[in-house]
Amino acid sequence: MRGGPAIQQRPMPPEDMIDDTSIRFEPAPYLLEWARSSFIDEAADLVNEDHAHLRFTSIGILWTNVPSGRAGRRIIGQCRIGSIPVSLSSSRSRPKGRNGPSR
């Protein structure tokens, strides 16, 4: 264990989001700050060199109340590589004047 300040308590989602029945996604900038200072930054108390590549990436974190799970297990945290939605990427990659197969 490294010397230094005690690990801060992890930020929690907005209380009104938990029981809200509408679908919500909200930015979680304080959670990102906590993650970096807790286990991503080189001087973090829980640093893990397997995650060193995260120090140089652009990371976005959202709170959501949308349930997620697999095989009867609840997923409470997940990381994904962002990508351009298919509808945007396919429209930009098609050459102009080609709307599909010719007859």
PDB file of N, CA and C in Angstrom:
ATOM      1  N   MET A   1       0.841  -1.185   0.000  1.00  0.00           N
ATOM      2  CA  MET A   1       0.000   0.000   0.000  1.00  0.00           C
ATOM      3  C   MET A   1       0.880   1.239   0.000  1.00  0.00           C
ATOM      4  N   ARG A   2       0.491   2.198  -0.771  1.00  0.00           N
ATOM      5  CA  ARG A   2       1.268   3.433  -0.873  1.00  0.00           C
ATOM      6  C   ARG A   2       0.920   4.376   0.276  1.00  0.00           C
ATOM      7  N   GLY A   3       1.855   5.222   0.611  1.00  0.00           N
ATOM      8  CA  GLY A   3       1.576   6.234   1.612  1.00  0.00           C
ATOM      9  C   GLY A   3       0.810   7.379   0.969  1.00  0.00           C
ATOM     10  N   GLY A   4       0.153   8.173   1.767  1.00  0.00           N
ATOM     11  CA  GLY A   4      -0.565   9.308   1.210  1.00  0.00           C
ATOM     12  C   GLY A   4      -1.960   9.405   1.780  1.00  0.00           C
ATOM     13  N   PRO A   5      -2.767  10.243   1.162  1.00  0.00           N
ATOM     14  CA  PRO A   5      -4.109  10.469   1.693  1.00  0.00           C
ATOM     15  C   PRO A   5      -4.972   9.213   1.584  1.00  0.00           C
ATOM     16  N   ALA A   6      -5.940   9.114   2.476  1.00  0.00           N
ATOM     17  CA  ALA A   6      -6.863   7.980   2.444  1.00  0.00           C
ATOM     18  C   ALA A   6      -7.712   8.051   1.178  1.00  0.00           C
ATOM     19  N   ILE A   7      -8.146   6.904   0.705  1.00  0.00           N
ATOM     20  CA  ILE A   7      -8.968   6.832  -0.495  1.00  0.00           C
ATOM     21  C   ILE A   7     -10.311   7.485  -0.217  1.00  0.00           C
ATOM     22  N   GLN A   8     -10.714   8.356  -1.121  1.00  0.00           N
ATOM     23  CA  GLN A   8     -11.993   9.038  -0.983  1.00  0.00           C
ATOM     24  C   GLN A   8     -13.136   8.060  -1.223  1.00  0.00           C
ATOM     25  N   GLN A   9     -14.267   8.359  -0.636  1.00  0.00           N
ATOM     26  CA  GLN A   9     -15.453   7.528  -0.865  1.00  0.00           C
ATOM     27  C   GLN A   9     -15.938   7.744  -2.291  1.00  0.00           C
ATOM     28  N   ARG A  10     -16.314   6.652  -2.952  1.00  0.00           N
ATOM     29  CA  ARG A  10     -16.778   6.721  -4.335  1.00  0.00           C
ATOM     30  C   ARG A  10     -18.047   7.550  -4.419  1.00  0.00           C
ATOM     31  N   PRO A  11     -18.122   8.470  -5.394  1.00  0.00           N
ATOM     32  CA  PRO A  11     -19.352   9.239  -5.587  1.00  0.00           C
ATOM     33  C   PRO A  11     -20.519   8.311  -5.919  1.00  0.00           C
ATOM     34  N   MET A  12     -21.692   8.725  -5.550  1.00  0.00           N
ATOM     35  CA  MET A  12     -22.901   7.941  -5.787  1.00  0.00           C
ATOM     36  C   MET A  12     -23.790   8.667  -6.802  1.00  0.00           C
ATOM     37  N   PRO A  13     -24.670   7.926  -7.492  1.00  0.00           N
ATOM     38  CA  PRO A  13     -25.567   8.570  -8.455  1.00  0.00           C
ATOM     39  C   PRO A  13     -26.539   9.499  -7.743  1.00  0.00           C
ATOM     40  N   PRO A  14     -27.136  10.436  -8.473  1.00  0.00           N
ATOM     41  CA  PRO A  14     -28.125  11.329  -7.859  1.00  0.00           C
ATOM     42  C   PRO A  14     -29.251  10.497  -7.226  1.00  0.00           C
ATOM     43  N   GLU A  15     -29.627  10.842  -6.004  1.00  0.00           N
ATOM     44  CA  GLU A  15     -30.645  10.075  -5.285  1.00  0.00           C
ATOM     45  C   GLU A  15     -31.963   9.999  -6.041  1.00  0.00           C
ATOM     46  N   ASP A  16     -32.346  11.076  -6.711  1.00  0.00           N
ATOM     47  CA  ASP A  16     -33.629  11.069  -7.417  1.00  0.00           C
ATOM     48  C   ASP A  16     -33.616  10.167  -8.651  1.00  0.00           C
ATOM     49  N   MET A  17     -32.451   9.707  -9.076  1.00  0.00           N
ATOM     50  CA  MET A  17     -32.353   8.843 -10.247  1.00  0.00           C
ATOM     51  C   MET A  17     -32.722   7.389  -9.922  1.00  0.00           C
ATOM     52  N   ILE A  18     -32.475   6.971  -8.718  1.00  0.00           N
ATOM     53  CA  ILE A  18     -32.636   5.566  -8.351  1.00  0.00           C
ATOM     54  C   ILE A  18     -34.079   5.091  -8.511  1.00  0.00           C
ATOM     55  N   ASP A  19     -35.040   5.848  -8.034  1.00  0.00           N
ATOM     56  CA  ASP A  19     -36.444   5.437  -8.111  1.00  0.00           C
ATOM     57  C   ASP A  19     -37.193   6.036  -9.289  1.00  0.00           C
ATOM     58  N   ASP A  20     -36.501   6.795 -10.115  1.00  0.00           N
ATOM     59  CA  ASP A  20     -37.133   7.411 -11.286  1.00  0.00           C
ATOM     60  C   ASP A  20     -37.483   6.331 -12.305  1.00  0.00           C
ATOM     61  N   THR A  21     -38.704   6.355 -12.818  1.00  0.00           N
ATOM     62  CA  THR A  21     -39.126   5.330 -13.785  1.00  0.00           C
ATOM     63  C   THR A  21     -38.814   5.713 -15.222  1.00  0.00           C
ATOM     64  N   SER A  22     -38.425   6.955 -15.471  1.00  0.00           N
ATOM     65  CA  SER A  22     -38.027   7.343 -16.827  1.00  0.00           C
ATOM     66  C   SER A  22     -36.577   6.932 -17.062  1.00  0.00           C
ATOM     67  N   ILE A  23     -36.204   6.778 -18.314  1.00  0.00           N
ATOM     68  CA  ILE A  23     -34.823   6.421 -18.656  1.00  0.00           C
ATOM     69  C   ILE A  23     -33.964   7.675 -18.569  1.00  0.00           C
ATOM     70  N   ARG A  24     -32.894   7.581 -17.793  1.00  0.00           N
ATOM     71  CA  ARG A  24     -32.028   8.748 -17.600  1.00  0.00           C
ATOM     72  C   ARG A  24     -30.565   8.383 -17.775  1.00  0.00           C
ATOM     73  N   PHE A  25     -29.825   9.301 -18.363  1.00  0.00           N
ATOM     74  CA  PHE A  25     -28.375   9.246 -18.480  1.00  0.00           C
ATOM     75  C   PHE A  25     -27.877  10.622 -18.089  1.00  0.00           C
ATOM     76  N   GLU A  26     -26.938  10.693 -17.159  1.00  0.00           N
ATOM     77  CA  GLU A  26     -26.396  11.978 -16.721  1.00  0.00           C
ATOM     78  C   GLU A  26     -24.880  11.885 -16.595  1.00  0.00           C
ATOM     79  N   PRO A  27     -24.167  12.961 -16.950  1.00  0.00           N
ATOM     80  CA  PRO A  27     -22.703  12.958 -16.808  1.00  0.00           C
ATOM     81  C   PRO A  27     -22.303  12.722 -15.349  1.00  0.00           C
ATOM     82  N   ALA A  28     -21.172  12.059 -15.158  1.00  0.00           N
ATOM     83  CA  ALA A  28     -20.674  11.780 -13.805  1.00  0.00           C
ATOM     84  C   ALA A  28     -19.217  12.227 -13.689  1.00  0.00           C
ATOM     85  N   PRO A  29     -18.963  13.544 -13.814  1.00  0.00           N
ATOM     86  CA  PRO A  29     -17.572  14.020 -13.791  1.00  0.00           C
ATOM     87  C   PRO A  29     -16.856  13.735 -12.475  1.00  0.00           C
ATOM     88  N   TYR A  30     -17.569  13.754 -11.344  1.00  0.00           N
ATOM     89  CA  TYR A  30     -16.907  13.492 -10.061  1.00  0.00           C
ATOM     90  C   TYR A  30     -16.502  12.031  -9.946  1.00  0.00           C
ATOM     91  N   LEU A  31     -17.244  11.132 -10.599  1.00  0.00           N
ATOM     92  CA  LEU A  31     -16.877   9.718 -10.595  1.00  0.00           C
ATOM     93  C   LEU A  31     -15.589   9.511 -11.390  1.00  0.00           C
ATOM     94  N   LEU A  32     -15.446  10.231 -12.493  1.00  0.00           N
ATOM     95  CA  LEU A  32     -14.212  10.144 -13.278  1.00  0.00           C
ATOM     96  C   LEU A  32     -13.024  10.661 -12.464  1.00  0.00           C
ATOM     97  N   GLU A  33     -13.201  11.796 -11.779  1.00  0.00           N
ATOM     98  CA  GLU A  33     -12.122  12.327 -10.933  1.00  0.00           C
ATOM     99  C   GLU A  33     -11.735  11.306  -9.862  1.00  0.00           C
ATOM    100  N   TRP A  34     -12.747  10.661  -9.252  1.00  0.00           N
ATOM    101  CA  TRP A  34     -12.492   9.656  -8.230  1.00  0.00           C
ATOM    102  C   TRP A  34     -11.729   8.469  -8.816  1.00  0.00           C
ATOM    103  N   ALA A  35     -12.153   7.987  -9.984  1.00  0.00           N
ATOM    104  CA  ALA A  35     -11.491   6.836 -10.606  1.00  0.00           C
ATOM    105  C   ALA A  35     -10.031   7.144 -10.908  1.00  0.00           C
ATOM    106  N   ARG A  36      -9.785   8.323 -11.473  1.00  0.00           N
ATOM    107  CA  ARG A  36      -8.403   8.693 -11.784  1.00  0.00           C
ATOM    108  C   ARG A  36      -7.552   8.781 -10.514  1.00  0.00           C
ATOM    109  N   SER A  37      -8.052   9.450  -9.480  1.00  0.00           N
ATOM    110  CA  SER A  37      -7.248   9.634  -8.267  1.00  0.00           C
ATOM    111  C   SER A  37      -7.162   8.361  -7.427  1.00  0.00           C
ATOM    112  N   SER A  38      -8.076   7.419  -7.633  1.00  0.00           N
ATOM    113  CA  SER A  38      -8.069   6.188  -6.832  1.00  0.00           C
ATOM    114  C   SER A  38      -7.267   5.061  -7.461  1.00  0.00           C
ATOM    115  N   PHE A  39      -7.372   4.852  -8.797  1.00  0.00           N
ATOM    116  CA  PHE A  39      -6.665   3.713  -9.368  1.00  0.00           C
ATOM    117  C   PHE A  39      -6.112   3.875 -10.776  1.00  0.00           C
ATOM    118  N   ILE A  40      -6.282   5.034 -11.398  1.00  0.00           N
ATOM    119  CA  ILE A  40      -5.735   5.221 -12.744  1.00  0.00           C
ATOM    120  C   ILE A  40      -4.418   5.991 -12.712  1.00  0.00           C
ATOM    121  N   ASP A  41      -4.389   7.119 -12.003  1.00  0.00           N
ATOM    122  CA  ASP A  41      -3.179   7.942 -11.956  1.00  0.00           C
ATOM    123  C   ASP A  41      -2.008   7.166 -11.369  1.00  0.00           C
ATOM    124  N   GLU A  42      -0.816   7.503 -11.824  1.00  0.00           N
ATOM    125  CA  GLU A  42       0.401   6.811 -11.392  1.00  0.00           C
ATOM    126  C   GLU A  42       0.597   6.853  -9.875  1.00  0.00           C
ATOM    127  N   ALA A  43       0.180   7.928  -9.233  1.00  0.00           N
ATOM    128  CA  ALA A  43       0.361   8.069  -7.787  1.00  0.00           C
ATOM    129  C   ALA A  43      -0.858   7.607  -6.977  1.00  0.00           C
ATOM    130  N   ALA A  44      -1.843   6.993  -7.617  1.00  0.00           N
ATOM    131  CA  ALA A  44      -3.055   6.560  -6.921  1.00  0.00           C
ATOM    132  C   ALA A  44      -2.760   5.443  -5.922  1.00  0.00           C
ATOM    133  N   ASP A  45      -3.527   5.423  -4.827  1.00  0.00           N
ATOM    134  CA  ASP A  45      -3.326   4.397  -3.793  1.00  0.00           C
ATOM    135  C   ASP A  45      -3.578   2.989  -4.312  1.00  0.00           C
ATOM    136  N   LEU A  46      -4.498   2.819  -5.234  1.00  0.00           N
ATOM    137  CA  LEU A  46      -4.846   1.497  -5.754  1.00  0.00           C
ATOM    138  C   LEU A  46      -4.383   1.317  -7.199  1.00  0.00           C
ATOM    139  N   VAL A  47      -3.287   1.974  -7.563  1.00  0.00           N
ATOM    140  CA  VAL A  47      -2.812   1.940  -8.946  1.00  0.00           C
ATOM    141  C   VAL A  47      -2.597   0.497  -9.405  1.00  0.00           C
ATOM    142  N   ASN A  48      -2.963   0.239 -10.641  1.00  0.00           N
ATOM    143  CA  ASN A  48      -2.789  -1.081 -11.246  1.00  0.00           C
ATOM    144  C   ASN A  48      -2.177  -0.828 -12.623  1.00  0.00           C
ATOM    145  N   GLU A  49      -0.978  -1.285 -12.837  1.00  0.00           N
ATOM    146  CA  GLU A  49      -0.283  -1.015 -14.100  1.00  0.00           C
ATOM    147  C   GLU A  49      -0.985  -1.627 -15.306  1.00  0.00           C
ATOM    148  N   ASP A  50      -1.870  -2.594 -15.097  1.00  0.00           N
ATOM    149  CA  ASP A  50      -2.667  -3.124 -16.212  1.00  0.00           C
ATOM    150  C   ASP A  50      -3.593  -2.049 -16.789  1.00  0.00           C
ATOM    151  N   HIS A  51      -3.844  -1.003 -16.008  1.00  0.00           N
ATOM    152  CA  HIS A  51      -4.721   0.080 -16.451  1.00  0.00           C
ATOM    153  C   HIS A  51      -3.958   1.352 -16.811  1.00  0.00           C
ATOM    154  N   ALA A  52      -2.655   1.250 -16.962  1.00  0.00           N
ATOM    155  CA  ALA A  52      -1.828   2.425 -17.254  1.00  0.00           C
ATOM    156  C   ALA A  52      -2.253   3.117 -18.546  1.00  0.00           C
ATOM    157  N   HIS A  53      -2.732   2.351 -19.537  1.00  0.00           N
ATOM    158  CA  HIS A  53      -3.155   2.952 -20.807  1.00  0.00           C
ATOM    159  C   HIS A  53      -4.316   3.934 -20.619  1.00  0.00           C
ATOM    160  N   LEU A  54      -5.056   3.826 -19.538  1.00  0.00           N
ATOM    161  CA  LEU A  54      -6.184   4.735 -19.292  1.00  0.00           C
ATOM    162  C   LEU A  54      -5.722   6.144 -18.928  1.00  0.00           C
ATOM    163  N   ARG A  55      -4.458   6.293 -18.540  1.00  0.00           N
ATOM    164  CA  ARG A  55      -3.951   7.622 -18.181  1.00  0.00           C
ATOM    165  C   ARG A  55      -3.901   8.560 -19.380  1.00  0.00           C
ATOM    166  N   PHE A  56      -3.878   7.996 -20.563  1.00  0.00           N
ATOM    167  CA  PHE A  56      -3.690   8.798 -21.774  1.00  0.00           C
ATOM    168  C   PHE A  56      -4.923   8.801 -22.672  1.00  0.00           C
ATOM    169  N   THR A  57      -6.057   8.383 -22.151  1.00  0.00           N
ATOM    170  CA  THR A  57      -7.270   8.305 -22.960  1.00  0.00           C
ATOM    171  C   THR A  57      -8.291   9.343 -22.535  1.00  0.00           C
ATOM    172  N   SER A  58      -9.208   9.594 -23.418  1.00  0.00           N
ATOM    173  CA  SER A  58     -10.352  10.444 -23.107  1.00  0.00           C
ATOM    174  C   SER A  58     -11.458   9.530 -22.596  1.00  0.00           C
ATOM    175  N   ILE A  59     -11.870   9.737 -21.364  1.00  0.00           N
ATOM    176  CA  ILE A  59     -12.868   8.876 -20.738  1.00  0.00           C
ATOM    177  C   ILE A  59     -14.106   9.694 -20.414  1.00  0.00           C
ATOM    178  N   GLY A  60     -15.253   9.139 -20.709  1.00  0.00           N
ATOM    179  CA  GLY A  60     -16.521   9.752 -20.334  1.00  0.00           C
ATOM    180  C   GLY A  60     -17.281   8.778 -19.459  1.00  0.00           C
ATOM    181  N   ILE A  61     -17.893   9.270 -18.397  1.00  0.00           N
ATOM    182  CA  ILE A  61     -18.644   8.409 -17.477  1.00  0.00           C
ATOM    183  C   ILE A  61     -20.034   8.984 -17.296  1.00  0.00           C
ATOM    184  N   LEU A  62     -21.019   8.101 -17.360  1.00  0.00           N
ATOM    185  CA  LEU A  62     -22.418   8.494 -17.183  1.00  0.00           C
ATOM    186  C   LEU A  62     -23.054   7.697 -16.057  1.00  0.00           C
ATOM    187  N   TRP A  63     -23.985   8.342 -15.357  1.00  0.00           N
ATOM    188  CA  TRP A  63     -24.883   7.625 -14.463  1.00  0.00           C
ATOM    189  C   TRP A  63     -26.097   7.245 -15.301  1.00  0.00           C
ATOM    190  N   THR A  64     -26.676   6.094 -15.030  1.00  0.00           N
ATOM    191  CA  THR A  64     -27.925   5.707 -15.681  1.00  0.00           C
ATOM    192  C   THR A  64     -28.737   4.844 -14.734  1.00  0.00           C
ATOM    193  N   ASN A  65     -30.037   4.823 -14.966  1.00  0.00           N
ATOM    194  CA  ASN A  65     -30.917   3.961 -14.183  1.00  0.00           C
ATOM    195  C   ASN A  65     -31.458   2.816 -15.045  1.00  0.00           C
ATOM    196  N   VAL A  66     -30.882   2.627 -16.216  1.00  0.00           N
ATOM    197  CA  VAL A  66     -31.292   1.549 -17.104  1.00  0.00           C
ATOM    198  C   VAL A  66     -30.692   0.238 -16.589  1.00  0.00           C
ATOM    199  N   PRO A  67     -31.540  -0.746 -16.295  1.00  0.00           N
ATOM    200  CA  PRO A  67     -31.002  -2.014 -15.781  1.00  0.00           C
ATOM    201  C   PRO A  67     -30.217  -2.772 -16.848  1.00  0.00           C
ATOM    202  N   SER A  68     -29.209  -3.480 -16.412  1.00  0.00           N
ATOM    203  CA  SER A  68     -28.398  -4.270 -17.320  1.00  0.00           C
ATOM    204  C   SER A  68     -27.984  -5.548 -16.607  1.00  0.00           C
ATOM    205  N   GLY A  69     -27.960  -6.646 -17.337  1.00  0.00           N
ATOM    206  CA  GLY A  69     -27.554  -7.891 -16.721  1.00  0.00           C
ATOM    207  C   GLY A  69     -27.396  -8.992 -17.746  1.00  0.00           C
ATOM    208  N   ARG A  70     -26.760 -10.069 -17.337  1.00  0.00           N
ATOM    209  CA  ARG A  70     -26.556 -11.252 -18.171  1.00  0.00           C
ATOM    210  C   ARG A  70     -26.603 -12.480 -17.290  1.00  0.00           C
ATOM    211  N   ALA A  71     -27.201 -13.526 -17.792  1.00  0.00           N
ATOM    212  CA  ALA A  71     -27.239 -14.824 -17.107  1.00  0.00           C
ATOM    213  C   ALA A  71     -27.705 -14.702 -15.662  1.00  0.00           C
ATOM    214  N   GLY A  72     -28.697 -13.828 -15.438  1.00  0.00           N
ATOM    215  CA  GLY A  72     -29.233 -13.670 -14.095  1.00  0.00           C
ATOM    216  C   GLY A  72     -28.378 -12.834 -13.167  1.00  0.00           C
ATOM    217  N   ARG A  73     -27.314 -12.245 -13.678  1.00  0.00           N
ATOM    218  CA  ARG A  73     -26.425 -11.408 -12.862  1.00  0.00           C
ATOM    219  C   ARG A  73     -26.637  -9.949 -13.209  1.00  0.00           C
ATOM    220  N   ARG A  74     -26.613  -9.116 -12.208  1.00  0.00           N
ATOM    221  CA  ARG A  74     -26.778  -7.680 -12.394  1.00  0.00           C
ATOM    222  C   ARG A  74     -25.419  -7.048 -12.670  1.00  0.00           C
ATOM    223  N   ILE A  75     -25.329  -6.231 -13.709  1.00  0.00           N
ATOM    224  CA  ILE A  75     -24.094  -5.522 -14.040  1.00  0.00           C
ATOM    225  C   ILE A  75     -24.200  -4.127 -13.440  1.00  0.00           C
ATOM    226  N   ILE A  76     -23.273  -3.785 -12.554  1.00  0.00           N
ATOM    227  CA  ILE A  76     -23.338  -2.479 -11.917  1.00  0.00           C
ATOM    228  C   ILE A  76     -22.251  -1.533 -12.406  1.00  0.00           C
ATOM    229  N   GLY A  77     -21.353  -2.006 -13.212  1.00  0.00           N
ATOM    230  CA  GLY A  77     -20.324  -1.156 -13.784  1.00  0.00           C
ATOM    231  C   GLY A  77     -19.850  -1.767 -15.074  1.00  0.00           C
ATOM    232  N   GLN A  78     -19.575  -0.930 -16.051  1.00  0.00           N
ATOM    233  CA  GLN A  78     -19.170  -1.457 -17.348  1.00  0.00           C
ATOM    234  C   GLN A  78     -18.329  -0.414 -18.062  1.00  0.00           C
ATOM    235  N   CYS A  79     -17.407  -0.890 -18.868  1.00  0.00           N
ATOM    236  CA  CYS A  79     -16.557  -0.005 -19.651  1.00  0.00           C
ATOM    237  C   CYS A  79     -16.654  -0.433 -21.103  1.00  0.00           C
ATOM    238  N   ARG A  80     -16.836   0.518 -21.978  1.00  0.00           N
ATOM    239  CA  ARG A  80     -16.919   0.221 -23.408  1.00  0.00           C
ATOM    240  C   ARG A  80     -16.090   1.219 -24.192  1.00  0.00           C
ATOM    241  N   ILE A  81     -15.591   0.768 -25.324  1.00  0.00           N
ATOM    242  CA  ILE A  81     -14.906   1.663 -26.244  1.00  0.00           C
ATOM    243  C   ILE A  81     -15.975   2.362 -27.062  1.00  0.00           C
ATOM    244  N   GLY A  82     -15.931   3.665 -27.080  1.00  0.00           N
ATOM    245  CA  GLY A  82     -16.925   4.438 -27.824  1.00  0.00           C
ATOM    246  C   GLY A  82     -16.749   4.274 -29.319  1.00  0.00           C
ATOM    247  N   SER A  83     -17.833   4.405 -30.039  1.00  0.00           N
ATOM    248  CA  SER A  83     -17.777   4.319 -31.492  1.00  0.00           C
ATOM    249  C   SER A  83     -18.864   5.193 -32.095  1.00  0.00           C
ATOM    250  N   ILE A  84     -18.704   5.499 -33.357  1.00  0.00           N
ATOM    251  CA  ILE A  84     -19.685   6.299 -34.079  1.00  0.00           C
ATOM    252  C   ILE A  84     -20.881   5.395 -34.379  1.00  0.00           C
ATOM    253  N   PRO A  85     -22.117   5.858 -34.150  1.00  0.00           N
ATOM    254  CA  PRO A  85     -23.273   5.032 -34.478  1.00  0.00           C
ATOM    255  C   PRO A  85     -23.251   4.610 -35.945  1.00  0.00           C
ATOM    256  N   VAL A  86     -23.699   3.410 -36.229  1.00  0.00           N
ATOM    257  CA  VAL A  86     -23.670   2.855 -37.581  1.00  0.00           C
ATOM    258  C   VAL A  86     -24.352   3.784 -38.575  1.00  0.00           C
ATOM    259  N   SER A  87     -25.461   4.380 -38.205  1.00  0.00           N
ATOM    260  CA  SER A  87     -26.190   5.254 -39.128  1.00  0.00           C
ATOM    261  C   SER A  87     -25.338   6.441 -39.575  1.00  0.00           C
ATOM    262  N   LEU A  88     -24.469   6.925 -38.698  1.00  0.00           N
ATOM    263  CA  LEU A  88     -23.596   8.044 -39.070  1.00  0.00           C
ATOM    264  C   LEU A  88     -22.389   7.574 -39.858  1.00  0.00           C
ATOM    265  N   SER A  89     -21.773   6.486 -39.422  1.00  0.00           N
ATOM    266  CA  SER A  89     -20.546   6.036 -40.082  1.00  0.00           C
ATOM    267  C   SER A  89     -20.820   5.498 -41.476  1.00  0.00           C
ATOM    268  N   SER A  90     -21.938   4.801 -41.698  1.00  0.00           N
ATOM    269  CA  SER A  90     -22.205   4.244 -43.023  1.00  0.00           C
ATOM    270  C   SER A  90     -22.570   5.326 -44.027  1.00  0.00           C
ATOM    271  N   SER A  91     -23.230   6.387 -43.581  1.00  0.00           N
ATOM    272  CA  SER A  91     -23.602   7.445 -44.524  1.00  0.00           C
ATOM    273  C   SER A  91     -22.389   8.246 -44.973  1.00  0.00           C
ATOM    274  N   ARG A  92     -21.377   8.304 -44.159  1.00  0.00           N
ATOM    275  CA  ARG A  92     -20.175   9.064 -44.514  1.00  0.00           C
ATOM    276  C   ARG A  92     -19.204   8.243 -45.350  1.00  0.00           C
ATOM    277  N   SER A  93     -19.271   6.928 -45.237  1.00  0.00           N
ATOM    278  CA  SER A  93     -18.288   6.099 -45.940  1.00  0.00           C
ATOM    279  C   SER A  93     -18.731   5.730 -47.354  1.00  0.00           C
ATOM    280  N   ARG A  94     -20.018   5.941 -47.683  1.00  0.00           N
ATOM    281  CA  ARG A  94     -20.505   5.616 -49.019  1.00  0.00           C
ATOM    282  C   ARG A  94     -20.138   6.720 -49.991  1.00  0.00           C
ATOM    283  N   PRO A  95     -19.597   6.374 -51.149  1.00  0.00           N
ATOM    284  CA  PRO A  95     -19.295   7.411 -52.148  1.00  0.00           C
ATOM    285  C   PRO A  95     -20.581   8.059 -52.643  1.00  0.00           C
ATOM    286  N   LYS A  96     -20.514   9.338 -52.947  1.00  0.00           N
ATOM    287  CA  LYS A  96     -21.682  10.051 -53.470  1.00  0.00           C
ATOM    288  C   LYS A  96     -22.128   9.459 -54.797  1.00  0.00           C
ATOM    289  N   GLY A  97     -23.445   9.451 -55.019  1.00  0.00           N
ATOM    290  CA  GLY A  97     -23.965   8.968 -56.265  1.00  0.00           C
ATOM    291  C   GLY A  97     -24.186   7.468 -56.298  1.00  0.00           C
ATOM    292  N   ARG A  98     -23.900   6.772 -55.212  1.00  0.00           N
ATOM    293  CA  ARG A  98     -24.100   5.324 -55.159  1.00  0.00           C
ATOM    294  C   ARG A  98     -25.130   5.023 -54.085  1.00  0.00           C
ATOM    295  N   ASN A  99     -26.336   4.755 -54.482  1.00  0.00           N
ATOM    296  CA  ASN A  99     -27.403   4.500 -53.555  1.00  0.00           C
ATOM    297  C   ASN A  99     -27.709   3.028 -53.375  1.00  0.00           C
ATOM    298  N   GLY A 100     -26.928   2.164 -53.925  1.00  0.00           N
ATOM    299  CA  GLY A 100     -27.172   0.748 -53.795  1.00  0.00           C
ATOM    300  C   GLY A 100     -26.831   0.043 -55.095  1.00  0.00           C
ATOM    301  N   PRO A 101     -27.194  -1.220 -55.201  1.00  0.00           N
ATOM    302  CA  PRO A 101     -26.857  -1.982 -56.402  1.00  0.00           C
ATOM    303  C   PRO A 101     -27.598  -1.438 -57.623  1.00  0.00           C
ATOM    304  N   SER A 102     -26.927  -1.426 -58.744  1.00  0.00           N
ATOM    305  CA  SER A 102     -27.582  -0.961 -59.975  1.00  0.00           C
ATOM    306  C   SER A 102     -28.322  -2.118 -60.620  1.00  0.00           C
ATOM    307  N   ARG A 103     -29.344  -1.786 -61.406  1.00  0.00           N
ATOM    308  CA  ARG A 103     -30.161  -2.835 -62.050  1.00  0.00           C
ATOM    309  C   ARG A 103     -29.837  -2.968 -63.486  1.00  0.00           C
TER     310      ARG A 103
END
